[in-house]
Amino acid sequence: MKLINIEVDSIHSSNSIEHTLVNLIRIGQAKIIRLVEKKHKIVPKNYYRKFWSVLGMSTFGLPLGVVVGVVIMENIGMLAIGLPLGMIIGHAVGSIMDKKAFKEGRQLNIDLKNGL
């Protein structure tokens, strides 16, 4: 876990002002969470829900919007209707994965409010 120590040391040694220090901490936090998730599959609460909500909009929502808006209704303005549908699908998939991580004991008892 040398990379975690390096990231923490870089934050500690920073001479940034308050606003940029907050951003530096968020970036470092995201790097550490991604590293721990990749190597050990340990995640904070709602990690997968947040991740899949965004992924669902782009993976499922846009194609659904094309099908519903352009093909079925022949109105390009209806393309945006797929985004909330994709977000709901992604939210459901992420919630299932979060529950699985909790049951397997791979979930940290923290909920990161700011950024990932």
PDB file of N, CA and C in Angstrom:
ATOM      1  N   MET A   1       0.817  -1.197   0.000  1.00  0.00           N
ATOM      2  CA  MET A   1       0.000   0.000   0.000  1.00  0.00           C
ATOM      3  C   MET A   1       0.858   1.257   0.000  1.00  0.00           C
ATOM      4  N   LYS A   2       1.992   1.133  -0.623  1.00  0.00           N
ATOM      5  CA  LYS A   2       2.913   2.256  -0.729  1.00  0.00           C
ATOM      6  C   LYS A   2       2.266   3.428  -1.462  1.00  0.00           C
ATOM      7  N   LEU A   3       1.406   3.124  -2.436  1.00  0.00           N
ATOM      8  CA  LEU A   3       0.753   4.190  -3.205  1.00  0.00           C
ATOM      9  C   LEU A   3      -0.168   5.039  -2.335  1.00  0.00           C
ATOM     10  N   ILE A   4      -0.815   4.426  -1.360  1.00  0.00           N
ATOM     11  CA  ILE A   4      -1.682   5.179  -0.450  1.00  0.00           C
ATOM     12  C   ILE A   4      -0.841   6.144   0.378  1.00  0.00           C
ATOM     13  N   ASN A   5       0.272   5.659   0.894  1.00  0.00           N
ATOM     14  CA  ASN A   5       1.154   6.531   1.681  1.00  0.00           C
ATOM     15  C   ASN A   5       1.704   7.675   0.839  1.00  0.00           C
ATOM     16  N   ILE A   6       2.044   7.390  -0.397  1.00  0.00           N
ATOM     17  CA  ILE A   6       2.543   8.443  -1.292  1.00  0.00           C
ATOM     18  C   ILE A   6       1.468   9.508  -1.511  1.00  0.00           C
ATOM     19  N   GLU A   7       0.224   9.066  -1.726  1.00  0.00           N
ATOM     20  CA  GLU A   7      -0.882  10.004  -1.953  1.00  0.00           C
ATOM     21  C   GLU A   7      -1.131  10.860  -0.707  1.00  0.00           C
ATOM     22  N   VAL A   8      -1.135  10.250   0.451  1.00  0.00           N
ATOM     23  CA  VAL A   8      -1.339  10.988   1.699  1.00  0.00           C
ATOM     24  C   VAL A   8      -0.189  11.967   1.934  1.00  0.00           C
ATOM     25  N   ASP A   9       1.031  11.543   1.693  1.00  0.00           N
ATOM     26  CA  ASP A   9       2.186  12.426   1.861  1.00  0.00           C
ATOM     27  C   ASP A   9       2.122  13.624   0.916  1.00  0.00           C
ATOM     28  N   SER A  10       1.645  13.399  -0.309  1.00  0.00           N
ATOM     29  CA  SER A  10       1.549  14.521  -1.256  1.00  0.00           C
ATOM     30  C   SER A  10       0.509  15.541  -0.798  1.00  0.00           C
ATOM     31  N   ILE A  11      -0.543  15.067  -0.156  1.00  0.00           N
ATOM     32  CA  ILE A  11      -1.555  15.992   0.373  1.00  0.00           C
ATOM     33  C   ILE A  11      -0.981  16.759   1.567  1.00  0.00           C
ATOM     34  N   HIS A  12      -0.283  16.062   2.437  1.00  0.00           N
ATOM     35  CA  HIS A  12       0.308  16.709   3.617  1.00  0.00           C
ATOM     36  C   HIS A  12       1.364  17.736   3.246  1.00  0.00           C
ATOM     37  N   SER A  13       2.109  17.477   2.212  1.00  0.00           N
ATOM     38  CA  SER A  13       3.185  18.394   1.844  1.00  0.00           C
ATOM     39  C   SER A  13       2.727  19.537   0.939  1.00  0.00           C
ATOM     40  N   SER A  14       1.460  19.577   0.621  1.00  0.00           N
ATOM     41  CA  SER A  14       0.932  20.612  -0.268  1.00  0.00           C
ATOM     42  C   SER A  14       0.880  21.964   0.444  1.00  0.00           C
ATOM     43  N   ASN A  15       1.161  23.004  -0.309  1.00  0.00           N
ATOM     44  CA  ASN A  15       1.076  24.379   0.192  1.00  0.00           C
ATOM     45  C   ASN A  15      -0.141  25.096  -0.389  1.00  0.00           C
ATOM     46  N   SER A  16      -1.134  24.327  -0.796  1.00  0.00           N
ATOM     47  CA  SER A  16      -2.309  24.889  -1.469  1.00  0.00           C
ATOM     48  C   SER A  16      -3.158  25.713  -0.510  1.00  0.00           C
ATOM     49  N   ILE A  17      -3.883  26.662  -1.090  1.00  0.00           N
ATOM     50  CA  ILE A  17      -4.848  27.420  -0.300  1.00  0.00           C
ATOM     51  C   ILE A  17      -6.079  26.535  -0.077  1.00  0.00           C
ATOM     52  N   GLU A  18      -7.008  26.980   0.741  1.00  0.00           N
ATOM     53  CA  GLU A  18      -8.120  26.141   1.194  1.00  0.00           C
ATOM     54  C   GLU A  18      -8.915  25.501   0.057  1.00  0.00           C
ATOM     55  N   HIS A  19      -9.317  26.275  -0.934  1.00  0.00           N
ATOM     56  CA  HIS A  19     -10.155  25.752  -2.019  1.00  0.00           C
ATOM     57  C   HIS A  19      -9.430  24.674  -2.817  1.00  0.00           C
ATOM     58  N   THR A  20      -8.203  24.936  -3.193  1.00  0.00           N
ATOM     59  CA  THR A  20      -7.473  23.936  -3.974  1.00  0.00           C
ATOM     60  C   THR A  20      -7.054  22.751  -3.109  1.00  0.00           C
ATOM     61  N   LEU A  21      -6.886  22.961  -1.804  1.00  0.00           N
ATOM     62  CA  LEU A  21      -6.568  21.859  -0.905  1.00  0.00           C
ATOM     63  C   LEU A  21      -7.746  20.886  -0.817  1.00  0.00           C
ATOM     64  N   VAL A  22      -8.954  21.421  -0.775  1.00  0.00           N
ATOM     65  CA  VAL A  22     -10.149  20.569  -0.755  1.00  0.00           C
ATOM     66  C   VAL A  22     -10.204  19.734  -2.035  1.00  0.00           C
ATOM     67  N   ASN A  23      -9.940  20.345  -3.167  1.00  0.00           N
ATOM     68  CA  ASN A  23      -9.930  19.607  -4.434  1.00  0.00           C
ATOM     69  C   ASN A  23      -8.827  18.556  -4.458  1.00  0.00           C
ATOM     70  N   LEU A  24      -7.670  18.902  -3.933  1.00  0.00           N
ATOM     71  CA  LEU A  24      -6.560  17.959  -3.867  1.00  0.00           C
ATOM     72  C   LEU A  24      -6.920  16.751  -2.993  1.00  0.00           C
ATOM     73  N   ILE A  25      -7.605  17.012  -1.886  1.00  0.00           N
ATOM     74  CA  ILE A  25      -8.036  15.918  -1.003  1.00  0.00           C
ATOM     75  C   ILE A  25      -9.061  15.031  -1.710  1.00  0.00           C
ATOM     76  N   ARG A  26      -9.997  15.627  -2.419  1.00  0.00           N
ATOM     77  CA  ARG A  26     -11.011  14.840  -3.147  1.00  0.00           C
ATOM     78  C   ARG A  26     -10.367  13.960  -4.213  1.00  0.00           C
ATOM     79  N   ILE A  27      -9.420  14.513  -4.928  1.00  0.00           N
ATOM     80  CA  ILE A  27      -8.730  13.739  -5.967  1.00  0.00           C
ATOM     81  C   ILE A  27      -7.944  12.598  -5.335  1.00  0.00           C
ATOM     82  N   GLY A  28      -7.234  12.892  -4.258  1.00  0.00           N
ATOM     83  CA  GLY A  28      -6.471  11.855  -3.566  1.00  0.00           C
ATOM     84  C   GLY A  28      -7.370  10.769  -2.998  1.00  0.00           C
ATOM     85  N   GLN A  29      -8.494  11.182  -2.446  1.00  0.00           N
ATOM     86  CA  GLN A  29      -9.467  10.237  -1.899  1.00  0.00           C
ATOM     87  C   GLN A  29      -9.993   9.310  -2.990  1.00  0.00           C
ATOM     88  N   ALA A  30     -10.322   9.878  -4.132  1.00  0.00           N
ATOM     89  CA  ALA A  30     -10.828   9.071  -5.241  1.00  0.00           C
ATOM     90  C   ALA A  30      -9.779   8.069  -5.723  1.00  0.00           C
ATOM     91  N   LYS A  31      -8.520   8.508  -5.791  1.00  0.00           N
ATOM     92  CA  LYS A  31      -7.447   7.598  -6.214  1.00  0.00           C
ATOM     93  C   LYS A  31      -7.297   6.438  -5.239  1.00  0.00           C
ATOM     94  N   ILE A  32      -7.343   6.745  -3.953  1.00  0.00           N
ATOM     95  CA  ILE A  32      -7.181   5.709  -2.933  1.00  0.00           C
ATOM     96  C   ILE A  32      -8.356   4.727  -2.980  1.00  0.00           C
ATOM     97  N   ILE A  33      -9.571   5.240  -3.108  1.00  0.00           N
ATOM     98  CA  ILE A  33     -10.751   4.361  -3.168  1.00  0.00           C
ATOM     99  C   ILE A  33     -10.682   3.463  -4.394  1.00  0.00           C
ATOM    100  N   ARG A  34     -10.286   4.011  -5.547  1.00  0.00           N
ATOM    101  CA  ARG A  34     -10.171   3.188  -6.761  1.00  0.00           C
ATOM    102  C   ARG A  34      -9.114   2.105  -6.589  1.00  0.00           C
ATOM    103  N   LEU A  35      -8.002   2.458  -5.961  1.00  0.00           N
ATOM    104  CA  LEU A  35      -6.931   1.495  -5.736  1.00  0.00           C
ATOM    105  C   LEU A  35      -7.394   0.352  -4.834  1.00  0.00           C
ATOM    106  N   VAL A  36      -8.041   0.691  -3.729  1.00  0.00           N
ATOM    107  CA  VAL A  36      -8.511  -0.329  -2.789  1.00  0.00           C
ATOM    108  C   VAL A  36      -9.598  -1.187  -3.444  1.00  0.00           C
ATOM    109  N   GLU A  37     -10.447  -0.578  -4.262  1.00  0.00           N
ATOM    110  CA  GLU A  37     -11.497  -1.342  -4.944  1.00  0.00           C
ATOM    111  C   GLU A  37     -10.894  -2.305  -5.957  1.00  0.00           C
ATOM    112  N   LYS A  38      -9.916  -1.856  -6.711  1.00  0.00           N
ATOM    113  CA  LYS A  38      -9.293  -2.718  -7.724  1.00  0.00           C
ATOM    114  C   LYS A  38      -8.524  -3.872  -7.109  1.00  0.00           C
ATOM    115  N   LYS A  39      -7.733  -3.580  -6.091  1.00  0.00           N
ATOM    116  CA  LYS A  39      -6.855  -4.618  -5.522  1.00  0.00           C
ATOM    117  C   LYS A  39      -7.579  -5.557  -4.569  1.00  0.00           C
ATOM    118  N   HIS A  40      -8.507  -5.007  -3.762  1.00  0.00           N
ATOM    119  CA  HIS A  40      -9.098  -5.808  -2.692  1.00  0.00           C
ATOM    120  C   HIS A  40     -10.616  -5.933  -2.782  1.00  0.00           C
ATOM    121  N   LYS A  41     -11.221  -5.247  -3.742  1.00  0.00           N
ATOM    122  CA  LYS A  41     -12.676  -5.250  -3.915  1.00  0.00           C
ATOM    123  C   LYS A  41     -13.409  -4.744  -2.676  1.00  0.00           C
ATOM    124  N   ILE A  42     -12.770  -3.851  -1.932  1.00  0.00           N
ATOM    125  CA  ILE A  42     -13.381  -3.240  -0.754  1.00  0.00           C
ATOM    126  C   ILE A  42     -13.843  -1.838  -1.163  1.00  0.00           C
ATOM    127  N   VAL A  43     -15.105  -1.534  -0.852  1.00  0.00           N
ATOM    128  CA  VAL A  43     -15.695  -0.274  -1.297  1.00  0.00           C
ATOM    129  C   VAL A  43     -16.435   0.410  -0.153  1.00  0.00           C
ATOM    130  N   PRO A  44     -16.603   1.745  -0.227  1.00  0.00           N
ATOM    131  CA  PRO A  44     -17.442   2.436   0.760  1.00  0.00           C
ATOM    132  C   PRO A  44     -18.923   2.206   0.447  1.00  0.00           C
ATOM    133  N   LYS A  45     -19.783   2.609   1.365  1.00  0.00           N
ATOM    134  CA  LYS A  45     -21.224   2.478   1.145  1.00  0.00           C
ATOM    135  C   LYS A  45     -21.629   3.225  -0.121  1.00  0.00           C
ATOM    136  N   ASN A  46     -22.556   2.673  -0.844  1.00  0.00           N
ATOM    137  CA  ASN A  46     -23.167   3.270  -2.043  1.00  0.00           C
ATOM    138  C   ASN A  46     -22.178   3.516  -3.180  1.00  0.00           C
ATOM    139  N   TYR A  47     -21.022   2.887  -3.148  1.00  0.00           N
ATOM    140  CA  TYR A  47     -20.026   3.064  -4.208  1.00  0.00           C
ATOM    141  C   TYR A  47     -20.577   2.604  -5.551  1.00  0.00           C
ATOM    142  N   TYR A  48     -21.074   1.392  -5.585  1.00  0.00           N
ATOM    143  CA  TYR A  48     -21.573   0.849  -6.847  1.00  0.00           C
ATOM    144  C   TYR A  48     -22.834   1.572  -7.304  1.00  0.00           C
ATOM    145  N   ARG A  49     -23.688   1.993  -6.394  1.00  0.00           N
ATOM    146  CA  ARG A  49     -24.904   2.705  -6.773  1.00  0.00           C
ATOM    147  C   ARG A  49     -24.554   4.013  -7.487  1.00  0.00           C
ATOM    148  N   LYS A  50     -23.596   4.756  -6.926  1.00  0.00           N
ATOM    149  CA  LYS A  50     -23.190   6.016  -7.551  1.00  0.00           C
ATOM    150  C   LYS A  50     -22.533   5.760  -8.910  1.00  0.00           C
ATOM    151  N   PHE A  51     -21.661   4.764  -8.944  1.00  0.00           N
ATOM    152  CA  PHE A  51     -20.943   4.440 -10.171  1.00  0.00           C
ATOM    153  C   PHE A  51     -21.908   3.993 -11.273  1.00  0.00           C
ATOM    154  N   TRP A  52     -22.810   3.080 -10.945  1.00  0.00           N
ATOM    155  CA  TRP A  52     -23.723   2.531 -11.948  1.00  0.00           C
ATOM    156  C   TRP A  52     -24.832   3.493 -12.344  1.00  0.00           C
ATOM    157  N   SER A  53     -25.180   4.451 -11.488  1.00  0.00           N
ATOM    158  CA  SER A  53     -26.193   5.436 -11.890  1.00  0.00           C
ATOM    159  C   SER A  53     -25.705   6.241 -13.086  1.00  0.00           C
ATOM    160  N   VAL A  54     -24.462   6.658 -13.029  1.00  0.00           N
ATOM    161  CA  VAL A  54     -23.878   7.413 -14.143  1.00  0.00           C
ATOM    162  C   VAL A  54     -23.668   6.501 -15.351  1.00  0.00           C
ATOM    163  N   LEU A  55     -23.140   5.317 -15.102  1.00  0.00           N
ATOM    164  CA  LEU A  55     -22.895   4.367 -16.181  1.00  0.00           C
ATOM    165  C   LEU A  55     -24.203   3.946 -16.852  1.00  0.00           C
ATOM    166  N   GLY A  56     -25.255   3.799 -16.072  1.00  0.00           N
ATOM    167  CA  GLY A  56     -26.562   3.409 -16.610  1.00  0.00           C
ATOM    168  C   GLY A  56     -27.117   4.437 -17.578  1.00  0.00           C
ATOM    169  N   MET A  57     -26.885   5.720 -17.280  1.00  0.00           N
ATOM    170  CA  MET A  57     -27.381   6.764 -18.185  1.00  0.00           C
ATOM    171  C   MET A  57     -26.718   6.673 -19.546  1.00  0.00           C
ATOM    172  N   SER A  58     -25.416   6.416 -19.544  1.00  0.00           N
ATOM    173  CA  SER A  58     -24.719   6.379 -20.828  1.00  0.00           C
ATOM    174  C   SER A  58     -24.839   5.020 -21.517  1.00  0.00           C
ATOM    175  N   THR A  59     -24.833   3.931 -20.734  1.00  0.00           N
ATOM    176  CA  THR A  59     -24.860   2.595 -21.324  1.00  0.00           C
ATOM    177  C   THR A  59     -26.265   2.170 -21.729  1.00  0.00           C
ATOM    178  N   PHE A  60     -27.225   2.419 -20.848  1.00  0.00           N
ATOM    179  CA  PHE A  60     -28.595   1.993 -21.129  1.00  0.00           C
ATOM    180  C   PHE A  60     -29.482   3.146 -21.587  1.00  0.00           C
ATOM    181  N   GLY A  61     -29.289   4.318 -20.975  1.00  0.00           N
ATOM    182  CA  GLY A  61     -30.178   5.448 -21.224  1.00  0.00           C
ATOM    183  C   GLY A  61     -30.139   5.993 -22.630  1.00  0.00           C
ATOM    184  N   LEU A  62     -28.951   6.240 -23.143  1.00  0.00           N
ATOM    185  CA  LEU A  62     -28.858   6.799 -24.499  1.00  0.00           C
ATOM    186  C   LEU A  62     -29.412   5.840 -25.563  1.00  0.00           C
ATOM    187  N   PRO A  63     -29.051   4.545 -25.526  1.00  0.00           N
ATOM    188  CA  PRO A  63     -29.656   3.645 -26.513  1.00  0.00           C
ATOM    189  C   PRO A  63     -31.181   3.545 -26.367  1.00  0.00           C
ATOM    190  N   LEU A  64     -31.680   3.520 -25.123  1.00  0.00           N
ATOM    191  CA  LEU A  64     -33.132   3.495 -24.926  1.00  0.00           C
ATOM    192  C   LEU A  64     -33.771   4.774 -25.467  1.00  0.00           C
ATOM    193  N   GLY A  65     -33.114   5.897 -25.238  1.00  0.00           N
ATOM    194  CA  GLY A  65     -33.622   7.159 -25.753  1.00  0.00           C
ATOM    195  C   GLY A  65     -33.665   7.182 -27.263  1.00  0.00           C
ATOM    196  N   VAL A  66     -32.677   6.602 -27.909  1.00  0.00           N
ATOM    197  CA  VAL A  66     -32.667   6.531 -29.375  1.00  0.00           C
ATOM    198  C   VAL A  66     -33.827   5.662 -29.856  1.00  0.00           C
ATOM    199  N   VAL A  67     -34.008   4.523 -29.210  1.00  0.00           N
ATOM    200  CA  VAL A  67     -35.082   3.612 -29.622  1.00  0.00           C
ATOM    201  C   VAL A  67     -36.444   4.253 -29.418  1.00  0.00           C
ATOM    202  N   VAL A  68     -36.667   4.795 -28.221  1.00  0.00           N
ATOM    203  CA  VAL A  68     -37.973   5.383 -27.924  1.00  0.00           C
ATOM    204  C   VAL A  68     -38.183   6.682 -28.691  1.00  0.00           C
ATOM    205  N   GLY A  69     -37.220   7.575 -28.625  1.00  0.00           N
ATOM    206  CA  GLY A  69     -37.398   8.902 -29.197  1.00  0.00           C
ATOM    207  C   GLY A  69     -37.332   8.951 -30.696  1.00  0.00           C
ATOM    208  N   VAL A  70     -36.368   8.297 -31.276  1.00  0.00           N
ATOM    209  CA  VAL A  70     -36.147   8.443 -32.709  1.00  0.00           C
ATOM    210  C   VAL A  70     -36.898   7.368 -33.496  1.00  0.00           C
ATOM    211  N   VAL A  71     -36.741   6.125 -33.102  1.00  0.00           N
ATOM    212  CA  VAL A  71     -37.316   5.032 -33.883  1.00  0.00           C
ATOM    213  C   VAL A  71     -38.827   4.923 -33.688  1.00  0.00           C
ATOM    214  N   ILE A  72     -39.279   4.857 -32.439  1.00  0.00           N
ATOM    215  CA  ILE A  72     -40.706   4.634 -32.179  1.00  0.00           C
ATOM    216  C   ILE A  72     -41.524   5.905 -32.376  1.00  0.00           C
ATOM    217  N   MET A  73     -41.123   7.016 -31.747  1.00  0.00           N
ATOM    218  CA  MET A  73     -41.924   8.230 -31.788  1.00  0.00           C
ATOM    219  C   MET A  73     -41.539   9.170 -32.917  1.00  0.00           C
ATOM    220  N   GLU A  74     -40.424   8.898 -33.578  1.00  0.00           N
ATOM    221  CA  GLU A  74     -39.917   9.722 -34.673  1.00  0.00           C
ATOM    222  C   GLU A  74     -39.783  11.196 -34.279  1.00  0.00           C
ATOM    223  N   ASN A  75     -39.296  11.409 -33.060  1.00  0.00           N
ATOM    224  CA  ASN A  75     -39.112  12.759 -32.557  1.00  0.00           C
ATOM    225  C   ASN A  75     -37.788  12.789 -31.796  1.00  0.00           C
ATOM    226  N   ILE A  76     -36.810  13.466 -32.334  1.00  0.00           N
ATOM    227  CA  ILE A  76     -35.483  13.516 -31.722  1.00  0.00           C
ATOM    228  C   ILE A  76     -35.526  14.169 -30.347  1.00  0.00           C
ATOM    229  N   GLY A  77     -36.532  14.975 -30.084  1.00  0.00           N
ATOM    230  CA  GLY A  77     -36.680  15.621 -28.789  1.00  0.00           C
ATOM    231  C   GLY A  77     -36.954  14.635 -27.665  1.00  0.00           C
ATOM    232  N   MET A  78     -37.445  13.461 -28.009  1.00  0.00           N
ATOM    233  CA  MET A  78     -37.748  12.440 -27.013  1.00  0.00           C
ATOM    234  C   MET A  78     -36.513  11.604 -26.661  1.00  0.00           C
ATOM    235  N   LEU A  79     -35.378  11.927 -27.245  1.00  0.00           N
ATOM    236  CA  LEU A  79     -34.135  11.215 -26.973  1.00  0.00           C
ATOM    237  C   LEU A  79     -33.785  11.261 -25.484  1.00  0.00           C
ATOM    238  N   ALA A  80     -34.062  12.380 -24.844  1.00  0.00           N
ATOM    239  CA  ALA A  80     -33.707  12.569 -23.438  1.00  0.00           C
ATOM    240  C   ALA A  80     -34.525  11.710 -22.488  1.00  0.00           C
ATOM    241  N   ILE A  81     -35.593  11.106 -22.948  1.00  0.00           N
ATOM    242  CA  ILE A  81     -36.418  10.276 -22.069  1.00  0.00           C
ATOM    243  C   ILE A  81     -35.665   9.022 -21.618  1.00  0.00           C
ATOM    244  N   GLY A  82     -34.667   8.616 -22.365  1.00  0.00           N
ATOM    245  CA  GLY A  82     -33.906   7.437 -21.993  1.00  0.00           C
ATOM    246  C   GLY A  82     -32.947   7.655 -20.836  1.00  0.00           C
ATOM    247  N   LEU A  83     -32.499   8.893 -20.619  1.00  0.00           N
ATOM    248  CA  LEU A  83     -31.539   9.163 -19.544  1.00  0.00           C
ATOM    249  C   LEU A  83     -32.069   8.806 -18.156  1.00  0.00           C
ATOM    250  N   PRO A  84     -33.272   9.250 -17.776  1.00  0.00           N
ATOM    251  CA  PRO A  84     -33.760   8.845 -16.454  1.00  0.00           C
ATOM    252  C   PRO A  84     -34.022   7.336 -16.364  1.00  0.00           C
ATOM    253  N   LEU A  85     -34.439   6.737 -17.469  1.00  0.00           N
ATOM    254  CA  LEU A  85     -34.636   5.283 -17.465  1.00  0.00           C
ATOM    255  C   LEU A  85     -33.313   4.558 -17.237  1.00  0.00           C
ATOM    256  N   GLY A  86     -32.261   5.013 -17.908  1.00  0.00           N
ATOM    257  CA  GLY A  86     -30.939   4.431 -17.723  1.00  0.00           C
ATOM    258  C   GLY A  86     -30.412   4.637 -16.319  1.00  0.00           C
ATOM    259  N   MET A  87     -30.703   5.818 -15.748  1.00  0.00           N
ATOM    260  CA  MET A  87     -30.260   6.090 -14.386  1.00  0.00           C
ATOM    261  C   MET A  87     -30.962   5.149 -13.401  1.00  0.00           C
ATOM    262  N   ILE A  88     -32.242   4.892 -13.613  1.00  0.00           N
ATOM    263  CA  ILE A  88     -32.979   3.982 -12.740  1.00  0.00           C
ATOM    264  C   ILE A  88     -32.428   2.563 -12.858  1.00  0.00           C
ATOM    265  N   ILE A  89     -32.152   2.127 -14.075  1.00  0.00           N
ATOM    266  CA  ILE A  89     -31.577   0.791 -14.274  1.00  0.00           C
ATOM    267  C   ILE A  89     -30.205   0.709 -13.598  1.00  0.00           C
ATOM    268  N   GLY A  90     -29.366   1.710 -13.812  1.00  0.00           N
ATOM    269  CA  GLY A  90     -28.044   1.736 -13.204  1.00  0.00           C
ATOM    270  C   GLY A  90     -28.112   1.779 -11.679  1.00  0.00           C
ATOM    271  N   HIS A  91     -29.053   2.548 -11.160  1.00  0.00           N
ATOM    272  CA  HIS A  91     -29.244   2.640  -9.717  1.00  0.00           C
ATOM    273  C   HIS A  91     -29.616   1.272  -9.142  1.00  0.00           C
ATOM    274  N   ALA A  92     -30.496   0.563  -9.831  1.00  0.00           N
ATOM    275  CA  ALA A  92     -30.914  -0.774  -9.373  1.00  0.00           C
ATOM    276  C   ALA A  92     -29.743  -1.753  -9.407  1.00  0.00           C
ATOM    277  N   VAL A  93     -28.992  -1.761 -10.497  1.00  0.00           N
ATOM    278  CA  VAL A  93     -27.834  -2.660 -10.609  1.00  0.00           C
ATOM    279  C   VAL A  93     -26.809  -2.338  -9.525  1.00  0.00           C
ATOM    280  N   GLY A  94     -26.518  -1.060  -9.322  1.00  0.00           N
ATOM    281  CA  GLY A  94     -25.561  -0.649  -8.303  1.00  0.00           C
ATOM    282  C   GLY A  94     -26.014  -1.011  -6.902  1.00  0.00           C
ATOM    283  N   SER A  95     -27.301  -0.868  -6.611  1.00  0.00           N
ATOM    284  CA  SER A  95     -27.824  -1.229  -5.292  1.00  0.00           C
ATOM    285  C   SER A  95     -27.675  -2.721  -5.032  1.00  0.00           C
ATOM    286  N   ILE A  96     -27.918  -3.525  -6.051  1.00  0.00           N
ATOM    287  CA  ILE A  96     -27.742  -4.975  -5.916  1.00  0.00           C
ATOM    288  C   ILE A  96     -26.280  -5.301  -5.624  1.00  0.00           C
ATOM    289  N   MET A  97     -25.365  -4.641  -6.336  1.00  0.00           N
ATOM    290  CA  MET A  97     -23.940  -4.883  -6.110  1.00  0.00           C
ATOM    291  C   MET A  97     -23.494  -4.406  -4.728  1.00  0.00           C
ATOM    292  N   ASP A  98     -24.055  -3.285  -4.242  1.00  0.00           N
ATOM    293  CA  ASP A  98     -23.740  -2.807  -2.894  1.00  0.00           C
ATOM    294  C   ASP A  98     -24.216  -3.801  -1.839  1.00  0.00           C
ATOM    295  N   LYS A  99     -25.416  -4.348  -2.020  1.00  0.00           N
ATOM    296  CA  LYS A  99     -25.929  -5.343  -1.073  1.00  0.00           C
ATOM    297  C   LYS A  99     -25.053  -6.592  -1.070  1.00  0.00           C
ATOM    298  N   LYS A 100     -24.606  -7.001  -2.247  1.00  0.00           N
ATOM    299  CA  LYS A 100     -23.730  -8.166  -2.335  1.00  0.00           C
ATOM    300  C   LYS A 100     -22.406  -7.900  -1.624  1.00  0.00           C
ATOM    301  N   ALA A 101     -21.837  -6.712  -1.823  1.00  0.00           N
ATOM    302  CA  ALA A 101     -20.577  -6.356  -1.155  1.00  0.00           C
ATOM    303  C   ALA A 101     -20.765  -6.333   0.357  1.00  0.00           C
ATOM    304  N   PHE A 102     -21.916  -5.853   0.829  1.00  0.00           N
ATOM    305  CA  PHE A 102     -22.186  -5.820   2.267  1.00  0.00           C
ATOM    306  C   PHE A 102     -22.271  -7.241   2.830  1.00  0.00           C
ATOM    307  N   LYS A 103     -22.989  -8.109   2.132  1.00  0.00           N
ATOM    308  CA  LYS A 103     -23.129  -9.497   2.596  1.00  0.00           C
ATOM    309  C   LYS A 103     -21.792 -10.223   2.626  1.00  0.00           C
ATOM    310  N   GLU A 104     -20.920  -9.901   1.689  1.00  0.00           N
ATOM    311  CA  GLU A 104     -19.606 -10.546   1.618  1.00  0.00           C
ATOM    312  C   GLU A 104     -18.585  -9.885   2.542  1.00  0.00           C
ATOM    313  N   GLY A 105     -18.978  -8.827   3.232  1.00  0.00           N
ATOM    314  CA  GLY A 105     -18.070  -8.139   4.157  1.00  0.00           C
ATOM    315  C   GLY A 105     -17.019  -7.297   3.467  1.00  0.00           C
ATOM    316  N   ARG A 106     -17.316  -6.814   2.260  1.00  0.00           N
ATOM    317  CA  ARG A 106     -16.357  -6.018   1.492  1.00  0.00           C
ATOM    318  C   ARG A 106     -16.729  -4.539   1.481  1.00  0.00           C
ATOM    319  N   GLN A 107     -17.616  -4.123   2.387  1.00  0.00           N
ATOM    320  CA  GLN A 107     -18.077  -2.748   2.376  1.00  0.00           C
ATOM    321  C   GLN A 107     -17.598  -2.022   3.632  1.00  0.00           C
ATOM    322  N   LEU A 108     -16.960  -0.871   3.427  1.00  0.00           N
ATOM    323  CA  LEU A 108     -16.526  -0.039   4.534  1.00  0.00           C
ATOM    324  C   LEU A 108     -17.723   0.686   5.128  1.00  0.00           C
ATOM    325  N   ASN A 109     -17.675   0.962   6.403  1.00  0.00           N
ATOM    326  CA  ASN A 109     -18.800   1.629   7.067  1.00  0.00           C
ATOM    327  C   ASN A 109     -18.662   3.151   6.959  1.00  0.00           C
ATOM    328  N   ILE A 110     -18.389   3.631   5.755  1.00  0.00           N
ATOM    329  CA  ILE A 110     -18.330   5.071   5.492  1.00  0.00           C
ATOM    330  C   ILE A 110     -19.104   5.345   4.203  1.00  0.00           C
ATOM    331  N   ASP A 111     -19.681   6.536   4.141  1.00  0.00           N
ATOM    332  CA  ASP A 111     -20.377   6.957   2.927  1.00  0.00           C
ATOM    333  C   ASP A 111     -19.725   8.260   2.479  1.00  0.00           C
ATOM    334  N   LEU A 112     -19.020   8.204   1.367  1.00  0.00           N
ATOM    335  CA  LEU A 112     -18.322   9.379   0.865  1.00  0.00           C
ATOM    336  C   LEU A 112     -19.310  10.301   0.184  1.00  0.00           C
ATOM    337  N   LYS A 113     -19.497  11.476   0.739  1.00  0.00           N
ATOM    338  CA  LYS A 113     -20.465  12.434   0.204  1.00  0.00           C
ATOM    339  C   LYS A 113     -19.914  13.187  -1.000  1.00  0.00           C
ATOM    340  N   ASN A 114     -18.622  13.453  -0.996  1.00  0.00           N
ATOM    341  CA  ASN A 114     -18.041  14.296  -2.030  1.00  0.00           C
ATOM    342  C   ASN A 114     -17.236  13.491  -3.013  1.00  0.00           C
ATOM    343  N   GLY A 115     -17.698  13.514  -4.199  1.00  0.00           N
ATOM    344  CA  GLY A 115     -17.017  13.065  -5.377  1.00  0.00           C
ATOM    345  C   GLY A 115     -16.412  11.689  -5.464  1.00  0.00           C
ATOM    346  N   LEU A 116     -16.544  11.045  -6.474  1.00  0.00           N
ATOM    347  CA  LEU A 116     -15.835   9.850  -6.921  1.00  0.00           C
ATOM    348  C   LEU A 116     -15.857   9.859  -8.407  1.00  0.00           C
TER     349      LEU A 116
END
